[in-house]
C-alpha atoms as a PDB file:
ATOM      1  CA  MET A   1     171.537  18.483-198.663  1.00  0.00           C
ATOM      2  CA  LYS A   2     171.770  15.111-200.403  1.00  0.00           C
ATOM      3  CA  THR A   3     168.139  15.474-201.410  1.00  0.00           C
ATOM      4  CA  PHE A   4     168.798  18.777-203.172  1.00  0.00           C
ATOM      5  CA  PHE A   5     171.713  17.271-205.101  1.00  0.00           C
ATOM      6  CA  ARG A   6     169.379  14.445-206.200  1.00  0.00           C
ATOM      7  CA  TYR A   7     166.799  17.077-207.155  1.00  0.00           C
ATOM      8  CA  ASN A   8     169.353  18.957-209.273  1.00  0.00           C
ATOM      9  CA  TRP A   9     170.478  15.763-211.011  1.00  0.00           C
ATOM     10  CA  MET A  10     166.885  14.768-211.736  1.00  0.00           C
ATOM     11  CA  VAL A  11     166.008  18.191-213.177  1.00  0.00           C
ATOM     12  CA  ARG A  12     169.266  18.256-215.159  1.00  0.00           C
ATOM     13  CA  GLU A  13     168.387  14.918-216.774  1.00  0.00           C
ATOM     14  CA  GLU A  14     164.971  16.311-217.689  1.00  0.00           C
ATOM     15  CA  TRP A  15     166.696  19.296-219.326  1.00  0.00           C
ATOM     16  CA  TYR A  16     168.867  16.927-221.352  1.00  0.00           C
ATOM     17  CA  GLN A  17     165.709  15.197-222.581  1.00  0.00           C
ATOM     18  CA  TRP A  18     164.160  18.595-223.324  1.00  0.00           C
ATOM     19  CA  CYS A  19     167.257  19.550-225.332  1.00  0.00           C
ATOM     20  CA  GLU A  20     166.843  16.502-227.566  1.00  0.00           C
ATOM     21  CA  GLU A  21     163.963  18.347-229.247  1.00  0.00           C
ATOM     22  CA  LEU A  22     166.175  21.278-230.284  1.00  0.00           C
ATOM     23  CA  SER A  23     168.602  21.515-233.150  1.00  0.00           C
ATOM     24  CA  GLU A  24     172.327  21.787-232.470  1.00  0.00           C
ATOM     25  CA  GLU A  25     172.125  25.337-233.806  1.00  0.00           C
ATOM     26  CA  GLU A  26     169.470  26.252-231.221  1.00  0.00           C
ATOM     27  CA  LEU A  27     171.478  24.603-228.429  1.00  0.00           C
ATOM     28  CA  LEU A  28     174.585  26.593-229.363  1.00  0.00           C
ATOM     29  CA  GLN A  29     172.901  29.929-230.124  1.00  0.00           C
ATOM     30  CA  ALA A  30     174.271  32.745-227.958  1.00  0.00           C
ATOM     31  CA  ARG A  31     171.701  33.877-225.390  1.00  0.00           C
ATOM     32  CA  THR A  32     171.376  36.991-223.273  1.00  0.00           C
ATOM     33  CA  GLY A  33     172.634  36.395-219.750  1.00  0.00           C
ATOM     34  CA  GLY A  34     174.212  33.273-218.373  1.00  0.00           C
ATOM     35  CA  VAL A  35     177.425  31.877-219.753  1.00  0.00           C
ATOM     36  CA  GLY A  36     176.383  31.821-223.398  1.00  0.00           C
ATOM     37  CA  SER A  37     174.201  29.146-224.935  1.00  0.00           C
ATOM     38  CA  ILE A  38     171.843  26.505-223.557  1.00  0.00           C
ATOM     39  CA  LEU A  39     174.443  23.795-224.068  1.00  0.00           C
ATOM     40  CA  GLN A  40     177.276  25.888-222.649  1.00  0.00           C
ATOM     41  CA  THR A  41     175.167  26.581-219.550  1.00  0.00           C
ATOM     42  CA  LEU A  42     174.610  22.855-218.976  1.00  0.00           C
ATOM     43  CA  PHE A  43     178.337  22.275-219.465  1.00  0.00           C
ATOM     44  CA  HIS A  44     179.106  25.082-216.982  1.00  0.00           C
ATOM     45  CA  ILE A  45     176.776  23.574-214.347  1.00  0.00           C
ATOM     46  CA  ILE A  46     178.551  20.213-214.614  1.00  0.00           C
ATOM     47  CA  ASP A  47     182.037  21.720-214.596  1.00  0.00           C
ATOM     48  CA  VAL A  48     181.401  23.941-211.565  1.00  0.00           C
ATOM     49  CA  GLU A  49     179.807  21.125-209.562  1.00  0.00           C
ATOM     50  CA  TRP A  50     182.711  18.764-210.261  1.00  0.00           C
ATOM     51  CA  SER A  51     185.361  21.458-209.656  1.00  0.00           C
ATOM     52  CA  TRP A  52     184.050  22.395-206.208  1.00  0.00           C
ATOM     53  CA  ILE A  53     183.766  18.753-205.141  1.00  0.00           C
ATOM     54  CA  ARG A  54     187.344  18.098-206.274  1.00  0.00           C
ATOM     55  CA  LEU A  55     188.588  21.144-204.374  1.00  0.00           C
ATOM     56  CA  LEU A  56     186.863  20.010-201.178  1.00  0.00           C
ATOM     57  CA  GLN A  57     188.592  16.642-201.542  1.00  0.00           C
ATOM     58  CA  GLY A  58     191.969  18.336-201.928  1.00  0.00           C
ATOM     59  CA  LYS A  59     192.259  17.192-205.532  1.00  0.00           C
ATOM     60  CA  PRO A  60     193.542  19.411-208.335  1.00  0.00           C
ATOM     61  CA  ASP A  61     190.967  21.363-210.285  1.00  0.00           C
ATOM     62  CA  PHE A  62     191.354  21.838-213.980  1.00  0.00           C
ATOM     63  CA  GLU A  63     188.860  23.427-216.283  1.00  0.00           C
ATOM     64  CA  GLU A  64     187.411  21.438-219.102  1.00  0.00           C
ATOM     65  CA  SER A  65     187.049  23.305-222.382  1.00  0.00           C
ATOM     66  CA  PHE A  66     183.571  23.740-223.785  1.00  0.00           C
ATOM     67  CA  ASP A  67     185.153  23.652-227.234  1.00  0.00           C
ATOM     68  CA  ASP A  68     185.780  19.934-226.625  1.00  0.00           C
ATOM     69  CA  HIS A  69     182.126  19.275-225.659  1.00  0.00           C
ATOM     70  CA  LYS A  70     179.978  21.145-228.192  1.00  0.00           C
ATOM     71  CA  SER A  71     177.202  18.583-228.550  1.00  0.00           C
ATOM     72  CA  LEU A  72     174.456  17.338-226.285  1.00  0.00           C
ATOM     73  CA  HIS A  73     175.937  13.841-226.471  1.00  0.00           C
ATOM     74  CA  LEU A  74     179.387  15.054-225.345  1.00  0.00           C
ATOM     75  CA  VAL A  75     177.966  17.168-222.495  1.00  0.00           C
ATOM     76  CA  ARG A  76     175.940  14.206-221.255  1.00  0.00           C
ATOM     77  CA  LYS A  77     178.994  11.971-221.518  1.00  0.00           C
ATOM     78  CA  LEU A  78     181.060  14.434-219.458  1.00  0.00           C
ATOM     79  CA  ASP A  79     178.280  14.617-216.871  1.00  0.00           C
ATOM     80  CA  SER A  80     178.258  10.837-216.633  1.00  0.00           C
ATOM     81  CA  GLU A  81     182.044  10.748-216.180  1.00  0.00           C
ATOM     82  CA  PHE A  82     182.053  13.438-213.485  1.00  0.00           C
ATOM     83  CA  ARG A  83     178.896  12.229-211.716  1.00  0.00           C
ATOM     84  CA  THR A  84     180.552   9.125-210.305  1.00  0.00           C
ATOM     85  CA  GLU A  85     183.010  11.179-208.264  1.00  0.00           C
ATOM     86  CA  VAL A  86     180.481  13.837-207.306  1.00  0.00           C
ATOM     87  CA  GLU A  87     177.788  11.358-206.322  1.00  0.00           C
ATOM     88  CA  ASN A  88     180.228   9.328-204.241  1.00  0.00           C
ATOM     89  CA  PHE A  89     181.259  12.449-202.316  1.00  0.00           C
ATOM     90  CA  VAL A  90     177.655  13.610-201.817  1.00  0.00           C
ATOM     91  CA  ASN A  91     176.433  10.169-200.742  1.00  0.00           C
ATOM     92  CA  ASN A  92     179.227   9.916-198.181  1.00  0.00           C
ATOM     93  CA  TRP A  93     178.506  13.362-196.717  1.00  0.00           C
ATOM     94  CA  ASP A  94     177.964  13.372-192.977  1.00  0.00           C
ATOM     95  CA  ASP A  95     177.482  16.012-190.308  1.00  0.00           C
ATOM     96  CA  SER A  96     181.176  15.967-189.358  1.00  0.00           C
ATOM     97  CA  MET A  97     182.003  17.525-192.740  1.00  0.00           C
ATOM     98  CA  GLU A  98     179.646  20.491-192.368  1.00  0.00           C
ATOM     99  CA  ASN A  99     182.004  22.861-190.542  1.00  0.00           C
ATOM    100  CA  GLN A 100     185.335  21.794-192.006  1.00  0.00           C
ATOM    101  CA  LEU A 101     187.134  24.843-193.305  1.00  0.00           C
ATOM    102  CA  PHE A 102     187.900  25.476-196.947  1.00  0.00           C
ATOM    103  CA  TYR A 103     190.464  28.114-197.845  1.00  0.00           C
ATOM    104  CA  ASP A 104     190.091  29.711-201.250  1.00  0.00           C
ATOM    105  CA  THR A 105     192.635  32.074-202.761  1.00  0.00           C
ATOM    106  CA  LEU A 106     190.977  34.701-204.942  1.00  0.00           C
ATOM    107  CA  PRO A 107     192.644  36.050-208.111  1.00  0.00           C
ATOM    108  CA  ASN A 108     193.678  39.168-206.165  1.00  0.00           C
ATOM    109  CA  GLY A 109     195.564  36.986-203.665  1.00  0.00           C
ATOM    110  CA  LYS A 110     193.045  37.428-200.842  1.00  0.00           C
ATOM    111  CA  ILE A 111     192.304  34.229-198.929  1.00  0.00           C
ATOM    112  CA  VAL A 112     188.658  33.558-198.125  1.00  0.00           C
ATOM    113  CA  THR A 113     187.536  30.985-195.592  1.00  0.00           C
ATOM    114  CA  ASP A 114     184.258  29.124-196.006  1.00  0.00           C
ATOM    115  CA  THR A 115     182.889  25.941-194.502  1.00  0.00           C
ATOM    116  CA  TRP A 116     182.378  22.840-196.588  1.00  0.00           C
ATOM    117  CA  GLY A 117     178.659  23.155-195.874  1.00  0.00           C
ATOM    118  CA  GLU A 118     178.618  26.650-197.394  1.00  0.00           C
ATOM    119  CA  VAL A 119     180.439  25.413-200.479  1.00  0.00           C
ATOM    120  CA  MET A 120     178.010  22.527-200.929  1.00  0.00           C
ATOM    121  CA  ARG A 121     175.019  24.841-200.636  1.00  0.00           C
ATOM    122  CA  HIS A 122     176.655  27.213-203.117  1.00  0.00           C
ATOM    123  CA  VAL A 123     176.948  24.355-205.621  1.00  0.00           C
ATOM    124  CA  ILE A 124     173.249  23.541-205.177  1.00  0.00           C
ATOM    125  CA  ALA A 125     172.163  27.185-205.535  1.00  0.00           C
ATOM    126  CA  HIS A 126     174.463  27.692-208.535  1.00  0.00           C
ATOM    127  CA  GLU A 127     172.667  25.018-210.521  1.00  0.00           C
ATOM    128  CA  ILE A 128     169.205  26.213-209.505  1.00  0.00           C
ATOM    129  CA  HIS A 129     170.161  29.732-210.638  1.00  0.00           C
ATOM    130  CA  HIS A 130     171.233  28.532-214.083  1.00  0.00           C
ATOM    131  CA  ILE A 131     168.203  26.268-214.446  1.00  0.00           C
ATOM    132  CA  GLY A 132     166.111  29.429-214.044  1.00  0.00           C
ATOM    133  CA  GLN A 133     167.973  30.935-216.991  1.00  0.00           C
ATOM    134  CA  LEU A 134     167.276  27.828-219.065  1.00  0.00           C
ATOM    135  CA  SER A 135     163.578  28.221-218.244  1.00  0.00           C
ATOM    136  CA  ILE A 136     163.552  31.754-219.629  1.00  0.00           C
ATOM    137  CA  TRP A 137     165.378  30.658-222.784  1.00  0.00           C
ATOM    138  CA  ALA A 138     162.914  27.766-223.207  1.00  0.00           C
ATOM    139  CA  ARG A 139     160.079  30.265-223.404  1.00  0.00           C
ATOM    140  CA  GLU A 140     162.091  32.362-225.879  1.00  0.00           C
ATOM    141  CA  VAL A 141     162.259  29.395-228.261  1.00  0.00           C
ATOM    142  CA  GLY A 142     158.528  28.758-227.765  1.00  0.00           C
ATOM    143  CA  LYS A 143     158.817  25.611-225.641  1.00  0.00           C
ATOM    144  CA  LYS A 144     157.537  24.778-222.182  1.00  0.00           C
ATOM    145  CA  PRO A 145     160.421  24.626-219.671  1.00  0.00           C
ATOM    146  CA  VAL A 146     161.154  21.668-217.434  1.00  0.00           C
ATOM    147  CA  SER A 147     159.261  21.937-214.161  1.00  0.00           C
ATOM    148  CA  ALA A 148     161.335  23.241-211.277  1.00  0.00           C
ATOM    149  CA  ASN A 149     158.796  21.904-208.788  1.00  0.00           C
ATOM    150  CA  PHE A 150     160.385  19.965-205.937  1.00  0.00           C
ATOM    151  CA  ILE A 151     157.031  18.619-204.760  1.00  0.00           C
ATOM    152  CA  GLY A 152     155.827  15.434-206.372  1.00  0.00           C
ATOM    153  CA  ARG A 153     159.249  14.108-207.395  1.00  0.00           C
ATOM    154  CA  GLY A 154     159.379  11.493-204.628  1.00  0.00           C
ATOM    155  CA  LEU A 155     162.722  12.771-203.378  1.00  0.00           C
ATOM    156  CA  VAL A 156     161.999  12.742-199.665  1.00  0.00           C
ATOM    157  CA  SER A 157     161.202   9.535-197.857  1.00  0.00           C
ATOM    158  CA  GLN A 158     160.548   9.071-194.170  1.00  0.00           C
ATOM    159  CA  SER A 159     164.168   7.908-193.729  1.00  0.00           C
ATOM    160  CA  ASP A 160     165.444  11.281-195.074  1.00  0.00           C
ATOM    161  CA  GLN A 161     163.701  13.266-192.359  1.00  0.00           C
END
């Protein structure tokens, strides 16, 4: 699981670098699907990751406003601020946490029970899903998307196995 978080962070950083080649107008242009624009999608990925990790730790969750982060610089800054807490939690993950229960109250009042392991895998899959959307939008603006290839990134060492 830790390896897939590292993968997501690595790919996310490559998307930030990719975004440097686009104008602010292109980064903020409304797109079909997703949560809006390229930049808003990156913001959403960061916010969701941080929110879930805070909830698992029993900390309050509050939503950041995209209106306060409408530049690549500000999104990267927010990512850097949130990453410390997220990375600390991920790096301290151990097997005893896998089946701890997380209770989530839905807007309709229904309580859903998941394991921490399910939540962590949801966070990983959530980012991969949105990175796929960014890849489609990259082609729409005539640019090659960041590679989603896991192989060749040097993420797995013998000690990870």
